[in-house]
């Protein structure tokens, strides 16, 4: 996990720095862009590892990156690389993550959820 975690963190960090410093993208947008590029890259790397019979990225890491906001590109990567699309257990966890994210987005933007907390 360390190797894949470091690769993912490196891609994420480079994208954040380029987005904010060089392209002057607002931090939240830069974060979402970076985490989604890192997510897509991680799926691609895991697919390559599977084909080459190398050590694989743990599913836990794939889920963590999706949970951190990379779920849109994780879905695209699943289809693009034809990867993890037949593992039912993996997909159940992935779709639970997406559902939780959608509920949170709804609660934050369409209700007084934040006002009740703060």
PDB file of N, CA and C in Angstrom:
ATOM      1  N   UNK A   1       0.832  -1.199   0.000  1.00  0.00           N
ATOM      2  CA  UNK A   1       0.000   0.000   0.000  1.00  0.00           C
ATOM      3  C   UNK A   1       0.864   1.244   0.000  1.00  0.00           C
ATOM      4  N   UNK A   2       2.019   1.174   0.636  1.00  0.00           N
ATOM      5  CA  UNK A   2       2.860   2.359   0.738  1.00  0.00           C
ATOM      6  C   UNK A   2       3.251   2.888  -0.628  1.00  0.00           C
ATOM      7  N   UNK A   3       3.657   1.985  -1.525  1.00  0.00           N
ATOM      8  CA  UNK A   3       4.096   2.406  -2.853  1.00  0.00           C
ATOM      9  C   UNK A   3       2.975   3.132  -3.592  1.00  0.00           C
ATOM     10  N   UNK A   4       1.813   2.520  -3.633  1.00  0.00           N
ATOM     11  CA  UNK A   4       0.691   3.111  -4.359  1.00  0.00           C
ATOM     12  C   UNK A   4       0.172   4.365  -3.666  1.00  0.00           C
ATOM     13  N   UNK A   5       0.214   4.366  -2.352  1.00  0.00           N
ATOM     14  CA  UNK A   5      -0.175   5.558  -1.606  1.00  0.00           C
ATOM     15  C   UNK A   5       0.751   6.725  -1.902  1.00  0.00           C
ATOM     16  N   UNK A   6       2.043   6.454  -1.960  1.00  0.00           N
ATOM     17  CA  UNK A   6       3.011   7.518  -2.266  1.00  0.00           C
ATOM     18  C   UNK A   6       2.872   8.025  -3.692  1.00  0.00           C
ATOM     19  N   UNK A   7       2.651   7.122  -4.623  1.00  0.00           N
ATOM     20  CA  UNK A   7       2.451   7.541  -6.015  1.00  0.00           C
ATOM     21  C   UNK A   7       1.209   8.415  -6.129  1.00  0.00           C
ATOM     22  N   UNK A   8       0.127   7.984  -5.510  1.00  0.00           N
ATOM     23  CA  UNK A   8      -1.128   8.741  -5.549  1.00  0.00           C
ATOM     24  C   UNK A   8      -0.961  10.103  -4.879  1.00  0.00           C
ATOM     25  N   UNK A   9      -0.302  10.117  -3.724  1.00  0.00           N
ATOM     26  CA  UNK A   9      -0.062  11.379  -3.023  1.00  0.00           C
ATOM     27  C   UNK A   9       0.812  12.315  -3.843  1.00  0.00           C
ATOM     28  N   UNK A  10       1.794  11.779  -4.538  1.00  0.00           N
ATOM     29  CA  UNK A  10       2.670  12.604  -5.384  1.00  0.00           C
ATOM     30  C   UNK A  10       1.885  13.223  -6.533  1.00  0.00           C
ATOM     31  N   UNK A  11       1.082  12.416  -7.210  1.00  0.00           N
ATOM     32  CA  UNK A  11       0.261  12.947  -8.316  1.00  0.00           C
ATOM     33  C   UNK A  11      -0.680  14.019  -7.790  1.00  0.00           C
ATOM     34  N   UNK A  12      -1.324  13.741  -6.666  1.00  0.00           N
ATOM     35  CA  UNK A  12      -2.249  14.698  -6.062  1.00  0.00           C
ATOM     36  C   UNK A  12      -1.541  16.010  -5.721  1.00  0.00           C
ATOM     37  N   UNK A  13      -0.374  15.918  -5.083  1.00  0.00           N
ATOM     38  CA  UNK A  13       0.361  17.113  -4.661  1.00  0.00           C
ATOM     39  C   UNK A  13       0.817  17.940  -5.849  1.00  0.00           C
ATOM     40  N   UNK A  14       1.340  17.281  -6.856  1.00  0.00           N
ATOM     41  CA  UNK A  14       1.776  18.009  -8.061  1.00  0.00           C
ATOM     42  C   UNK A  14       0.593  18.721  -8.705  1.00  0.00           C
ATOM     43  N   UNK A  15      -0.547  18.033  -8.799  1.00  0.00           N
ATOM     44  CA  UNK A  15      -1.730  18.656  -9.413  1.00  0.00           C
ATOM     45  C   UNK A  15      -2.246  19.831  -8.587  1.00  0.00           C
ATOM     46  N   UNK A  16      -2.221  19.708  -7.279  1.00  0.00           N
ATOM     47  CA  UNK A  16      -2.641  20.818  -6.415  1.00  0.00           C
ATOM     48  C   UNK A  16      -1.740  22.030  -6.651  1.00  0.00           C
ATOM     49  N   UNK A  17      -0.443  21.800  -6.606  1.00  0.00           N
ATOM     50  CA  UNK A  17       0.505  22.909  -6.773  1.00  0.00           C
ATOM     51  C   UNK A  17       0.366  23.561  -8.138  1.00  0.00           C
ATOM     52  N   UNK A  18       0.280  22.764  -9.177  1.00  0.00           N
ATOM     53  CA  UNK A  18       0.130  23.321 -10.530  1.00  0.00           C
ATOM     54  C   UNK A  18      -1.180  24.095 -10.637  1.00  0.00           C
ATOM     55  N   UNK A  19      -2.246  23.523 -10.103  1.00  0.00           N
ATOM     56  CA  UNK A  19      -3.565  24.153 -10.208  1.00  0.00           C
ATOM     57  C   UNK A  19      -3.636  25.485  -9.469  1.00  0.00           C
ATOM     58  N   UNK A  20      -3.116  25.519  -8.255  1.00  0.00           N
ATOM     59  CA  UNK A  20      -3.232  26.737  -7.439  1.00  0.00           C
ATOM     60  C   UNK A  20      -2.172  27.761  -7.815  1.00  0.00           C
ATOM     61  N   UNK A  21      -0.921  27.325  -7.862  1.00  0.00           N
ATOM     62  CA  UNK A  21       0.181  28.276  -8.071  1.00  0.00           C
ATOM     63  C   UNK A  21       0.286  28.708  -9.530  1.00  0.00           C
ATOM     64  N   UNK A  22       0.273  27.751 -10.421  1.00  0.00           N
ATOM     65  CA  UNK A  22       0.515  28.066 -11.829  1.00  0.00           C
ATOM     66  C   UNK A  22      -0.749  28.517 -12.557  1.00  0.00           C
ATOM     67  N   UNK A  23      -1.843  27.794 -12.365  1.00  0.00           N
ATOM     68  CA  UNK A  23      -3.078  28.091 -13.089  1.00  0.00           C
ATOM     69  C   UNK A  23      -4.017  29.015 -12.321  1.00  0.00           C
ATOM     70  N   UNK A  24      -3.721  29.235 -11.042  1.00  0.00           N
ATOM     71  CA  UNK A  24      -4.516  30.117 -10.180  1.00  0.00           C
ATOM     72  C   UNK A  24      -5.992  29.699 -10.097  1.00  0.00           C
ATOM     73  N   UNK A  25      -6.186  28.411  -9.977  1.00  0.00           N
ATOM     74  CA  UNK A  25      -7.530  27.860  -9.806  1.00  0.00           C
ATOM     75  C   UNK A  25      -7.880  27.947  -8.323  1.00  0.00           C
ATOM     76  N   UNK A  26      -9.115  28.276  -7.980  1.00  0.00           N
ATOM     77  CA  UNK A  26      -9.510  28.332  -6.563  1.00  0.00           C
ATOM     78  C   UNK A  26      -9.208  27.005  -5.854  1.00  0.00           C
ATOM     79  N   UNK A  27      -8.827  27.068  -4.586  1.00  0.00           N
ATOM     80  CA  UNK A  27      -8.388  25.864  -3.862  1.00  0.00           C
ATOM     81  C   UNK A  27      -9.362  24.685  -3.883  1.00  0.00           C
ATOM     82  N   UNK A  28     -10.656  24.918  -3.693  1.00  0.00           N
ATOM     83  CA  UNK A  28     -11.606  23.799  -3.695  1.00  0.00           C
ATOM     84  C   UNK A  28     -11.661  23.123  -5.063  1.00  0.00           C
ATOM     85  N   UNK A  29     -11.688  23.926  -6.108  1.00  0.00           N
ATOM     86  CA  UNK A  29     -11.702  23.379  -7.470  1.00  0.00           C
ATOM     87  C   UNK A  29     -10.392  22.646  -7.750  1.00  0.00           C
ATOM     88  N   UNK A  30      -9.281  23.227  -7.307  1.00  0.00           N
ATOM     89  CA  UNK A  30      -7.968  22.593  -7.488  1.00  0.00           C
ATOM     90  C   UNK A  30      -7.923  21.252  -6.761  1.00  0.00           C
ATOM     91  N   UNK A  31      -8.465  21.209  -5.550  1.00  0.00           N
ATOM     92  CA  UNK A  31      -8.502  19.968  -4.788  1.00  0.00           C
ATOM     93  C   UNK A  31      -9.296  18.895  -5.538  1.00  0.00           C
ATOM     94  N   UNK A  32     -10.490  19.251  -5.994  1.00  0.00           N
ATOM     95  CA  UNK A  32     -11.337  18.276  -6.684  1.00  0.00           C
ATOM     96  C   UNK A  32     -10.697  17.809  -7.991  1.00  0.00           C
ATOM     97  N   UNK A  33     -10.074  18.721  -8.708  1.00  0.00           N
ATOM     98  CA  UNK A  33      -9.364  18.356  -9.929  1.00  0.00           C
ATOM     99  C   UNK A  33      -8.220  17.392  -9.616  1.00  0.00           C
ATOM    100  N   UNK A  34      -7.436  17.721  -8.612  1.00  0.00           N
ATOM    101  CA  UNK A  34      -6.269  16.911  -8.251  1.00  0.00           C
ATOM    102  C   UNK A  34      -6.665  15.528  -7.753  1.00  0.00           C
ATOM    103  N   UNK A  35      -7.661  15.438  -6.886  1.00  0.00           N
ATOM    104  CA  UNK A  35      -8.048  14.138  -6.339  1.00  0.00           C
ATOM    105  C   UNK A  35      -8.656  13.248  -7.414  1.00  0.00           C
ATOM    106  N   UNK A  36      -9.348  13.850  -8.364  1.00  0.00           N
ATOM    107  CA  UNK A  36      -9.932  13.058  -9.443  1.00  0.00           C
ATOM    108  C   UNK A  36      -8.875  12.580 -10.434  1.00  0.00           C
ATOM    109  N   UNK A  37      -7.885  13.396 -10.724  1.00  0.00           N
ATOM    110  CA  UNK A  37      -6.781  12.955 -11.588  1.00  0.00           C
ATOM    111  C   UNK A  37      -5.985  11.859 -10.886  1.00  0.00           C
ATOM    112  N   UNK A  38      -5.756  12.030  -9.598  1.00  0.00           N
ATOM    113  CA  UNK A  38      -5.051  11.001  -8.830  1.00  0.00           C
ATOM    114  C   UNK A  38      -5.859   9.700  -8.813  1.00  0.00           C
ATOM    115  N   UNK A  39      -7.168   9.796  -8.685  1.00  0.00           N
ATOM    116  CA  UNK A  39      -8.032   8.619  -8.673  1.00  0.00           C
ATOM    117  C   UNK A  39      -7.949   7.872 -10.005  1.00  0.00           C
ATOM    118  N   UNK A  40      -8.084   8.595 -11.092  1.00  0.00           N
ATOM    119  CA  UNK A  40      -8.014   7.979 -12.419  1.00  0.00           C
ATOM    120  C   UNK A  40      -6.652   7.314 -12.621  1.00  0.00           C
ATOM    121  N   UNK A  41      -5.603   8.000 -12.215  1.00  0.00           N
ATOM    122  CA  UNK A  41      -4.241   7.472 -12.356  1.00  0.00           C
ATOM    123  C   UNK A  41      -4.051   6.209 -11.533  1.00  0.00           C
ATOM    124  N   UNK A  42      -4.587   6.194 -10.325  1.00  0.00           N
ATOM    125  CA  UNK A  42      -4.454   5.028  -9.455  1.00  0.00           C
ATOM    126  C   UNK A  42      -5.150   3.814 -10.067  1.00  0.00           C
ATOM    127  N   UNK A  43      -6.338   3.996 -10.611  1.00  0.00           N
ATOM    128  CA  UNK A  43      -7.031   2.891 -11.266  1.00  0.00           C
ATOM    129  C   UNK A  43      -6.236   2.389 -12.471  1.00  0.00           C
ATOM    130  N   UNK A  44      -5.689   3.304 -13.241  1.00  0.00           N
ATOM    131  CA  UNK A  44      -4.882   2.911 -14.391  1.00  0.00           C
ATOM    132  C   UNK A  44      -3.645   2.137 -13.978  1.00  0.00           C
ATOM    133  N   UNK A  45      -2.998   2.603 -12.940  1.00  0.00           N
ATOM    134  CA  UNK A  45      -1.810   1.927 -12.431  1.00  0.00           C
ATOM    135  C   UNK A  45      -2.161   0.542 -11.877  1.00  0.00           C
ATOM    136  N   UNK A  46      -3.284   0.440 -11.205  1.00  0.00           N
ATOM    137  CA  UNK A  46      -3.706  -0.854 -10.672  1.00  0.00           C
ATOM    138  C   UNK A  46      -4.043  -1.822 -11.803  1.00  0.00           C
ATOM    139  N   UNK A  47      -4.667  -1.330 -12.857  1.00  0.00           N
ATOM    140  CA  UNK A  47      -4.973  -2.186 -14.002  1.00  0.00           C
ATOM    141  C   UNK A  47      -3.683  -2.664 -14.662  1.00  0.00           C
ATOM    142  N   UNK A  48      -2.718  -1.763 -14.840  1.00  0.00           N
ATOM    143  CA  UNK A  48      -1.421  -2.139 -15.396  1.00  0.00           C
ATOM    144  C   UNK A  48      -0.745  -3.188 -14.513  1.00  0.00           C
ATOM    145  N   UNK A  49      -0.809  -2.980 -13.214  1.00  0.00           N
ATOM    146  CA  UNK A  49      -0.221  -3.936 -12.269  1.00  0.00           C
ATOM    147  C   UNK A  49      -0.878  -5.305 -12.385  1.00  0.00           C
ATOM    148  N   UNK A  50      -2.175  -5.330 -12.583  1.00  0.00           N
ATOM    149  CA  UNK A  50      -2.891  -6.598 -12.740  1.00  0.00           C
ATOM    150  C   UNK A  50      -2.437  -7.306 -14.018  1.00  0.00           C
ATOM    151  N   UNK A  51      -2.306  -6.552 -15.093  1.00  0.00           N
ATOM    152  CA  UNK A  51      -1.897  -7.144 -16.368  1.00  0.00           C
ATOM    153  C   UNK A  51      -0.458  -7.646 -16.330  1.00  0.00           C
ATOM    154  N   UNK A  52       0.400  -6.954 -15.607  1.00  0.00           N
ATOM    155  CA  UNK A  52       1.822  -7.311 -15.546  1.00  0.00           C
ATOM    156  C   UNK A  52       2.122  -8.286 -14.402  1.00  0.00           C
ATOM    157  N   UNK A  53       1.079  -8.625 -13.633  1.00  0.00           N
ATOM    158  CA  UNK A  53       1.233  -9.529 -12.482  1.00  0.00           C
ATOM    159  C   UNK A  53       2.144  -8.941 -11.399  1.00  0.00           C
ATOM    160  N   UNK A  54       2.082  -7.621 -11.251  1.00  0.00           N
ATOM    161  CA  UNK A  54       2.825  -6.934 -10.201  1.00  0.00           C
ATOM    162  C   UNK A  54       1.964  -6.873  -8.950  1.00  0.00           C
ATOM    163  N   UNK A  55       2.570  -6.358  -7.872  1.00  0.00           N
ATOM    164  CA  UNK A  55       1.805  -6.147  -6.638  1.00  0.00           C
ATOM    165  C   UNK A  55       0.715  -5.118  -6.929  1.00  0.00           C
ATOM    166  N   UNK A  56      -0.481  -5.388  -6.444  1.00  0.00           N
ATOM    167  CA  UNK A  56      -1.647  -4.556  -6.747  1.00  0.00           C
ATOM    168  C   UNK A  56      -1.857  -3.483  -5.697  1.00  0.00           C
ATOM    169  N   UNK A  57      -2.558  -2.443  -6.095  1.00  0.00           N
ATOM    170  CA  UNK A  57      -2.992  -1.412  -5.151  1.00  0.00           C
ATOM    171  C   UNK A  57      -4.125  -2.006  -4.311  1.00  0.00           C
ATOM    172  N   UNK A  58      -4.083  -1.814  -3.013  1.00  0.00           N
ATOM    173  CA  UNK A  58      -5.168  -2.342  -2.171  1.00  0.00           C
ATOM    174  C   UNK A  58      -6.510  -1.676  -2.500  1.00  0.00           C
ATOM    175  N   UNK A  59      -7.565  -2.464  -2.464  1.00  0.00           N
ATOM    176  CA  UNK A  59      -8.900  -1.915  -2.713  1.00  0.00           C
ATOM    177  C   UNK A  59      -9.228  -0.823  -1.704  1.00  0.00           C
ATOM    178  N   UNK A  60      -8.711  -0.970  -0.504  1.00  0.00           N
ATOM    179  CA  UNK A  60      -8.920   0.038   0.543  1.00  0.00           C
ATOM    180  C   UNK A  60      -8.430   1.407   0.068  1.00  0.00           C
ATOM    181  N   UNK A  61      -7.274   1.449  -0.594  1.00  0.00           N
ATOM    182  CA  UNK A  61      -6.733   2.711  -1.103  1.00  0.00           C
ATOM    183  C   UNK A  61      -7.620   3.277  -2.210  1.00  0.00           C
ATOM    184  N   UNK A  62      -8.109   2.414  -3.093  1.00  0.00           N
ATOM    185  CA  UNK A  62      -9.021   2.874  -4.143  1.00  0.00           C
ATOM    186  C   UNK A  62     -10.270   3.506  -3.528  1.00  0.00           C
ATOM    187  N   UNK A  63     -10.782   2.894  -2.462  1.00  0.00           N
ATOM    188  CA  UNK A  63     -11.964   3.437  -1.789  1.00  0.00           C
ATOM    189  C   UNK A  63     -11.651   4.742  -1.056  1.00  0.00           C
ATOM    190  N   UNK A  64     -10.499   4.830  -0.441  1.00  0.00           N
ATOM    191  CA  UNK A  64     -10.121   6.056   0.275  1.00  0.00           C
ATOM    192  C   UNK A  64     -10.042   7.230  -0.690  1.00  0.00           C
ATOM    193  N   UNK A  65      -9.441   7.014  -1.845  1.00  0.00           N
ATOM    194  CA  UNK A  65      -9.312   8.076  -2.840  1.00  0.00           C
ATOM    195  C   UNK A  65     -10.698   8.474  -3.366  1.00  0.00           C
ATOM    196  N   UNK A  66     -11.572   7.505  -3.583  1.00  0.00           N
ATOM    197  CA  UNK A  66     -12.941   7.814  -4.008  1.00  0.00           C
ATOM    198  C   UNK A  66     -13.673   8.597  -2.923  1.00  0.00           C
ATOM    199  N   UNK A  67     -13.524   8.165  -1.686  1.00  0.00           N
ATOM    200  CA  UNK A  67     -14.169   8.842  -0.561  1.00  0.00           C
ATOM    201  C   UNK A  67     -13.663  10.273  -0.396  1.00  0.00           C
ATOM    202  N   UNK A  68     -12.400  10.492  -0.707  1.00  0.00           N
ATOM    203  CA  UNK A  68     -11.799  11.822  -0.589  1.00  0.00           C
ATOM    204  C   UNK A  68     -12.285  12.776  -1.678  1.00  0.00           C
ATOM    205  N   UNK A  69     -13.102  12.284  -2.602  1.00  0.00           N
ATOM    206  CA  UNK A  69     -13.655  13.152  -3.638  1.00  0.00           C
ATOM    207  C   UNK A  69     -13.352  12.688  -5.046  1.00  0.00           C
ATOM    208  N   UNK A  70     -12.647  11.580  -5.181  1.00  0.00           N
ATOM    209  CA  UNK A  70     -12.269  11.095  -6.497  1.00  0.00           C
ATOM    210  C   UNK A  70     -13.241  10.120  -7.120  1.00  0.00           C
ATOM    211  N   UNK A  71     -14.456  10.043  -6.598  1.00  0.00           N
ATOM    212  CA  UNK A  71     -15.416   9.059  -7.105  1.00  0.00           C
ATOM    213  C   UNK A  71     -15.849   9.296  -8.557  1.00  0.00           C
ATOM    214  N   UNK A  72     -15.987  10.544  -9.037  1.00  0.00           N
ATOM    215  CA  UNK A  72     -16.377  10.689 -10.446  1.00  0.00           C
ATOM    216  C   UNK A  72     -15.372  10.073 -11.423  1.00  0.00           C
ATOM    217  N   UNK A  73     -14.090  10.346 -11.221  1.00  0.00           N
ATOM    218  CA  UNK A  73     -13.089   9.784 -12.124  1.00  0.00           C
ATOM    219  C   UNK A  73     -12.835   8.317 -11.827  1.00  0.00           C
ATOM    220  N   UNK A  74     -13.135   7.866 -10.618  1.00  0.00           N
ATOM    221  CA  UNK A  74     -13.039   6.438 -10.319  1.00  0.00           C
ATOM    222  C   UNK A  74     -14.042   5.678 -11.184  1.00  0.00           C
ATOM    223  N   UNK A  75     -15.248   6.216 -11.302  1.00  0.00           N
ATOM    224  CA  UNK A  75     -16.265   5.586 -12.145  1.00  0.00           C
ATOM    225  C   UNK A  75     -15.830   5.591 -13.606  1.00  0.00           C
ATOM    226  N   UNK A  76     -15.324   6.718 -14.069  1.00  0.00           N
ATOM    227  CA  UNK A  76     -14.838   6.804 -15.449  1.00  0.00           C
ATOM    228  C   UNK A  76     -13.696   5.817 -15.675  1.00  0.00           C
ATOM    229  N   UNK A  77     -12.775   5.733 -14.723  1.00  0.00           N
ATOM    230  CA  UNK A  77     -11.633   4.822 -14.846  1.00  0.00           C
ATOM    231  C   UNK A  77     -12.087   3.366 -14.853  1.00  0.00           C
ATOM    232  N   UNK A  78     -13.090   3.039 -14.063  1.00  0.00           N
ATOM    233  CA  UNK A  78     -13.609   1.668 -14.052  1.00  0.00           C
ATOM    234  C   UNK A  78     -14.073   1.276 -15.451  1.00  0.00           C
ATOM    235  N   UNK A  79     -14.751   2.196 -16.118  1.00  0.00           N
ATOM    236  CA  UNK A  79     -15.257   1.916 -17.460  1.00  0.00           C
ATOM    237  C   UNK A  79     -14.131   1.969 -18.506  1.00  0.00           C
ATOM    238  N   UNK A  80     -13.271   2.974 -18.400  1.00  0.00           N
ATOM    239  CA  UNK A  80     -12.195   3.183 -19.375  1.00  0.00           C
ATOM    240  C   UNK A  80     -11.201   2.027 -19.371  1.00  0.00           C
ATOM    241  N   UNK A  81     -10.801   1.599 -18.173  1.00  0.00           N
ATOM    242  CA  UNK A  81      -9.816   0.528 -18.050  1.00  0.00           C
ATOM    243  C   UNK A  81     -10.464  -0.856 -17.925  1.00  0.00           C
ATOM    244  N   UNK A  82     -11.809  -0.896 -17.925  1.00  0.00           N
ATOM    245  CA  UNK A  82     -12.532  -2.149 -17.719  1.00  0.00           C
ATOM    246  C   UNK A  82     -11.998  -2.839 -16.463  1.00  0.00           C
ATOM    247  N   UNK A  83     -11.984  -2.077 -15.392  1.00  0.00           N
ATOM    248  CA  UNK A  83     -11.309  -2.511 -14.170  1.00  0.00           C
ATOM    249  C   UNK A  83     -12.245  -2.430 -12.970  1.00  0.00           C
ATOM    250  N   UNK A  84     -12.316  -3.514 -12.225  1.00  0.00           N
ATOM    251  CA  UNK A  84     -13.116  -3.624 -11.006  1.00  0.00           C
ATOM    252  C   UNK A  84     -14.617  -3.596 -11.287  1.00  0.00           C
ATOM    253  N   UNK A  85     -15.014  -3.807 -12.533  1.00  0.00           N
ATOM    254  CA  UNK A  85     -16.438  -3.710 -12.851  1.00  0.00           C
ATOM    255  C   UNK A  85     -17.207  -5.000 -12.587  1.00  0.00           C
ATOM    256  N   UNK A  86     -16.495  -6.084 -12.326  1.00  0.00           N
ATOM    257  CA  UNK A  86     -17.198  -7.341 -12.050  1.00  0.00           C
ATOM    258  C   UNK A  86     -17.049  -7.787 -10.592  1.00  0.00           C
ATOM    259  N   UNK A  87     -16.346  -7.013  -9.786  1.00  0.00           N
ATOM    260  CA  UNK A  87     -16.180  -7.358  -8.363  1.00  0.00           C
ATOM    261  C   UNK A  87     -17.325  -6.730  -7.569  1.00  0.00           C
ATOM    262  N   UNK A  88     -18.330  -7.546  -7.293  1.00  0.00           N
ATOM    263  CA  UNK A  88     -19.546  -7.058  -6.639  1.00  0.00           C
ATOM    264  C   UNK A  88     -19.261  -6.399  -5.291  1.00  0.00           C
ATOM    265  N   UNK A  89     -18.431  -7.014  -4.457  1.00  0.00           N
ATOM    266  CA  UNK A  89     -18.153  -6.455  -3.134  1.00  0.00           C
ATOM    267  C   UNK A  89     -17.514  -5.071  -3.259  1.00  0.00           C
ATOM    268  N   UNK A  90     -16.593  -4.942  -4.183  1.00  0.00           N
ATOM    269  CA  UNK A  90     -15.930  -3.662  -4.408  1.00  0.00           C
ATOM    270  C   UNK A  90     -16.948  -2.609  -4.849  1.00  0.00           C
ATOM    271  N   UNK A  91     -17.798  -2.981  -5.803  1.00  0.00           N
ATOM    272  CA  UNK A  91     -18.780  -2.037  -6.338  1.00  0.00           C
ATOM    273  C   UNK A  91     -19.810  -1.615  -5.295  1.00  0.00           C
ATOM    274  N   UNK A  92     -20.188  -2.512  -4.415  1.00  0.00           N
ATOM    275  CA  UNK A  92     -21.149  -2.156  -3.354  1.00  0.00           C
ATOM    276  C   UNK A  92     -20.553  -1.059  -2.474  1.00  0.00           C
ATOM    277  N   UNK A  93     -19.310  -1.241  -2.065  1.00  0.00           N
ATOM    278  CA  UNK A  93     -18.656  -0.224  -1.229  1.00  0.00           C
ATOM    279  C   UNK A  93     -18.517   1.079  -2.004  1.00  0.00           C
ATOM    280  N   UNK A  94     -18.121   0.992  -3.266  1.00  0.00           N
ATOM    281  CA  UNK A  94     -17.975   2.201  -4.093  1.00  0.00           C
ATOM    282  C   UNK A  94     -19.298   2.971  -4.164  1.00  0.00           C
ATOM    283  N   UNK A  95     -20.396   2.278  -4.451  1.00  0.00           N
ATOM    284  CA  UNK A  95     -21.689   2.966  -4.587  1.00  0.00           C
ATOM    285  C   UNK A  95     -22.214   3.487  -3.255  1.00  0.00           C
ATOM    286  N   UNK A  96     -21.857   2.862  -2.164  1.00  0.00           N
ATOM    287  CA  UNK A  96     -22.202   3.409  -0.844  1.00  0.00           C
ATOM    288  C   UNK A  96     -21.457   4.729  -0.650  1.00  0.00           C
ATOM    289  N   UNK A  97     -20.194   4.777  -1.041  1.00  0.00           N
ATOM    290  CA  UNK A  97     -19.405   6.015  -0.958  1.00  0.00           C
ATOM    291  C   UNK A  97     -20.071   7.112  -1.784  1.00  0.00           C
ATOM    292  N   UNK A  98     -20.464   6.790  -3.000  1.00  0.00           N
ATOM    293  CA  UNK A  98     -21.117   7.776  -3.874  1.00  0.00           C
ATOM    294  C   UNK A  98     -22.425   8.258  -3.253  1.00  0.00           C
ATOM    295  N   UNK A  99     -23.205   7.344  -2.710  1.00  0.00           N
ATOM    296  CA  UNK A  99     -24.473   7.707  -2.079  1.00  0.00           C
ATOM    297  C   UNK A  99     -24.252   8.649  -0.896  1.00  0.00           C
ATOM    298  N   UNK A 100     -23.284   8.344  -0.067  1.00  0.00           N
ATOM    299  CA  UNK A 100     -22.963   9.213   1.079  1.00  0.00           C
ATOM    300  C   UNK A 100     -22.543  10.595   0.588  1.00  0.00           C
ATOM    301  N   UNK A 101     -21.727  10.644  -0.454  1.00  0.00           N
ATOM    302  CA  UNK A 101     -21.295  11.929  -0.993  1.00  0.00           C
ATOM    303  C   UNK A 101     -22.478  12.739  -1.528  1.00  0.00           C
ATOM    304  N   UNK A 102     -23.383  12.079  -2.228  1.00  0.00           N
ATOM    305  CA  UNK A 102     -24.555  12.782  -2.758  1.00  0.00           C
ATOM    306  C   UNK A 102     -25.456  13.307  -1.643  1.00  0.00           C
ATOM    307  N   UNK A 103     -25.634  12.517  -0.605  1.00  0.00           N
ATOM    308  CA  UNK A 103     -26.441  12.965   0.538  1.00  0.00           C
ATOM    309  C   UNK A 103     -25.789  14.183   1.196  1.00  0.00           C
ATOM    310  N   UNK A 104     -24.463  14.132   1.364  1.00  0.00           N
ATOM    311  CA  UNK A 104     -23.758  15.280   1.960  1.00  0.00           C
ATOM    312  C   UNK A 104     -23.853  16.525   1.089  1.00  0.00           C
ATOM    313  N   UNK A 105     -23.702  16.363  -0.207  1.00  0.00           N
ATOM    314  CA  UNK A 105     -23.824  17.506  -1.125  1.00  0.00           C
ATOM    315  C   UNK A 105     -25.216  18.103  -1.020  1.00  0.00           C
ATOM    316  N   UNK A 106     -26.227  17.254  -1.016  1.00  0.00           N
ATOM    317  CA  UNK A 106     -27.597  17.737  -0.875  1.00  0.00           C
ATOM    318  C   UNK A 106     -27.786  18.466   0.451  1.00  0.00           C
ATOM    319  N   UNK A 107     -27.307  17.857   1.526  1.00  0.00           N
ATOM    320  CA  UNK A 107     -27.477  18.447   2.856  1.00  0.00           C
ATOM    321  C   UNK A 107     -26.783  19.797   2.956  1.00  0.00           C
ATOM    322  N   UNK A 108     -25.624  19.927   2.370  1.00  0.00           N
ATOM    323  CA  UNK A 108     -24.860  21.172   2.470  1.00  0.00           C
ATOM    324  C   UNK A 108     -25.454  22.273   1.602  1.00  0.00           C
ATOM    325  N   UNK A 109     -25.839  21.945   0.377  1.00  0.00           N
ATOM    326  CA  UNK A 109     -26.258  22.977  -0.567  1.00  0.00           C
ATOM    327  C   UNK A 109     -27.760  23.222  -0.622  1.00  0.00           C
ATOM    328  N   UNK A 110     -28.560  22.272  -0.184  1.00  0.00           N
ATOM    329  CA  UNK A 110     -29.999  22.417  -0.351  1.00  0.00           C
ATOM    330  C   UNK A 110     -30.796  22.386   0.952  1.00  0.00           C
ATOM    331  N   UNK A 111     -30.114  22.370   2.072  1.00  0.00           N
ATOM    332  CA  UNK A 111     -30.807  22.403   3.364  1.00  0.00           C
ATOM    333  C   UNK A 111     -30.075  23.380   4.283  1.00  0.00           C
ATOM    334  N   UNK A 112     -30.565  23.518   5.490  1.00  0.00           N
ATOM    335  CA  UNK A 112     -29.912  24.365   6.498  1.00  0.00           C
ATOM    336  C   UNK A 112     -28.968  23.549   7.367  1.00  0.00           C
ATOM    337  N   UNK A 113     -28.430  22.487   6.823  1.00  0.00           N
ATOM    338  CA  UNK A 113     -27.562  21.570   7.557  1.00  0.00           C
ATOM    339  C   UNK A 113     -26.377  22.300   8.208  1.00  0.00           C
ATOM    340  N   UNK A 114     -25.692  23.132   7.459  1.00  0.00           N
ATOM    341  CA  UNK A 114     -24.530  23.849   8.005  1.00  0.00           C
ATOM    342  C   UNK A 114     -24.931  24.842   9.092  1.00  0.00           C
ATOM    343  N   UNK A 115     -26.085  25.488   8.924  1.00  0.00           N
ATOM    344  CA  UNK A 115     -26.559  26.430   9.919  1.00  0.00           C
ATOM    345  C   UNK A 115     -26.864  25.732  11.247  1.00  0.00           C
ATOM    346  N   UNK A 116     -27.365  24.523  11.170  1.00  0.00           N
ATOM    347  CA  UNK A 116     -27.680  23.763  12.377  1.00  0.00           C
ATOM    348  C   UNK A 116     -26.423  23.334  13.107  1.00  0.00           C
ATOM    349  N   UNK A 117     -25.360  23.074  12.357  1.00  0.00           N
ATOM    350  CA  UNK A 117     -24.114  22.643  12.985  1.00  0.00           C
ATOM    351  C   UNK A 117     -23.365  23.822  13.593  1.00  0.00           C
ATOM    352  N   UNK A 118     -23.330  24.925  12.849  1.00  0.00           N
ATOM    353  CA  UNK A 118     -22.569  26.091  13.313  1.00  0.00           C
ATOM    354  C   UNK A 118     -23.526  27.102  13.835  1.00  0.00           C
TER     355      UNK A 118
END
